[in-house]
Amino acid sequence: MELILPSLAERLKPLRKGKGKTQKEMAELLQVTERHYQKIEYGHINISATMLLALADYFGVTTDYLLGREG
């Protein structure tokens, strides 16, 4: 399957693990199913701007960082 958001996929898992969270806990935080969150983390689906902002705020990073636009 083609990666839709490869940079997001590359960065989410280490950020999540750094916070000691499971995929299930992240799904609950974002109010989506665990499977939906997995698809986001694997880069298989697009996410809304609202969800991107929520992830950036939660992890204390910029949306540009999540999208791979900054190092």
Protein backbone atom coordinates (compact mmCIF):
# COMPACT_ATOMS: atom_id res chain seq x y z
CA MET A 1 0.00 0.00 0.00
CA GLU A 2 1.30 3.45 -0.93
CA LEU A 3 2.13 5.80 1.90
CA ILE A 4 -0.06 8.91 1.81
CA LEU A 5 1.84 10.87 4.46
CA PRO A 6 5.27 9.20 4.77
CA SER A 7 6.78 11.88 7.03
CA LEU A 8 3.86 11.69 9.44
CA ALA A 9 4.14 7.91 9.49
CA GLU A 10 7.86 8.16 10.17
CA ARG A 11 7.49 10.60 13.05
CA LEU A 12 4.33 9.55 14.89
CA LYS A 13 5.45 6.20 16.29
CA PRO A 14 8.62 7.51 18.00
CA LEU A 15 6.66 10.47 19.40
CA ARG A 16 3.94 8.16 20.72
CA LYS A 17 6.44 5.76 22.25
CA GLY A 18 8.32 8.68 23.79
CA LYS A 19 5.13 9.59 25.66
CA GLY A 20 4.66 5.95 26.72
CA LYS A 21 1.31 5.71 24.93
CA THR A 22 -0.23 2.78 23.10
CA GLN A 23 -2.04 3.06 19.80
CA LYS A 24 -5.27 2.39 21.67
CA GLU A 25 -4.62 5.29 24.06
CA MET A 26 -3.85 7.61 21.15
CA ALA A 27 -7.05 6.54 19.42
CA GLU A 28 -9.03 7.35 22.55
CA LEU A 29 -7.33 10.73 22.83
CA LEU A 30 -8.23 11.55 19.21
CA GLN A 31 -11.69 9.98 19.51
CA VAL A 32 -11.16 7.53 16.66
CA THR A 33 -11.00 3.75 16.51
CA GLU A 34 -7.70 2.02 17.17
CA ARG A 35 -7.68 0.78 13.57
CA HIS A 36 -8.18 4.32 12.28
CA TYR A 37 -5.25 5.55 14.37
CA GLN A 38 -3.11 2.67 13.10
CA LYS A 39 -3.82 3.74 9.52
CA ILE A 40 -2.74 7.28 10.39
CA GLU A 41 0.45 6.07 12.07
CA TYR A 42 1.26 3.79 9.13
CA GLY A 43 0.69 6.67 6.70
CA HIS A 44 -2.11 4.92 4.84
CA ILE A 45 -4.73 7.65 5.16
CA ASN A 46 -4.91 11.43 5.23
CA ILE A 47 -5.92 13.23 8.38
CA SER A 48 -7.85 16.41 8.95
CA ALA A 49 -6.17 19.69 9.80
CA THR A 50 -7.90 19.55 13.17
CA MET A 51 -6.38 16.16 13.95
CA LEU A 52 -2.97 17.28 12.72
CA LEU A 53 -3.13 20.27 15.07
CA ALA A 54 -4.24 18.07 17.95
CA LEU A 55 -1.28 15.73 17.39
CA ALA A 56 1.17 18.62 17.14
CA ASP A 57 -0.17 20.18 20.35
CA TYR A 58 -0.13 16.87 22.22
CA PHE A 59 3.45 16.06 21.23
CA GLY A 60 4.72 19.63 21.54
CA VAL A 61 5.91 19.83 17.95
CA THR A 62 4.88 21.86 14.93
CA THR A 63 2.62 20.67 12.17
CA ASP A 64 5.53 21.35 9.80
CA TYR A 65 7.62 18.87 11.78
CA LEU A 66 4.91 16.21 11.56
CA LEU A 67 4.61 16.77 7.81
CA GLY A 68 8.38 16.62 7.30
CA ARG A 69 8.81 20.25 6.37
CA GLU A 70 11.41 20.91 9.06
CA GLY A 71 14.13 18.85 10.73
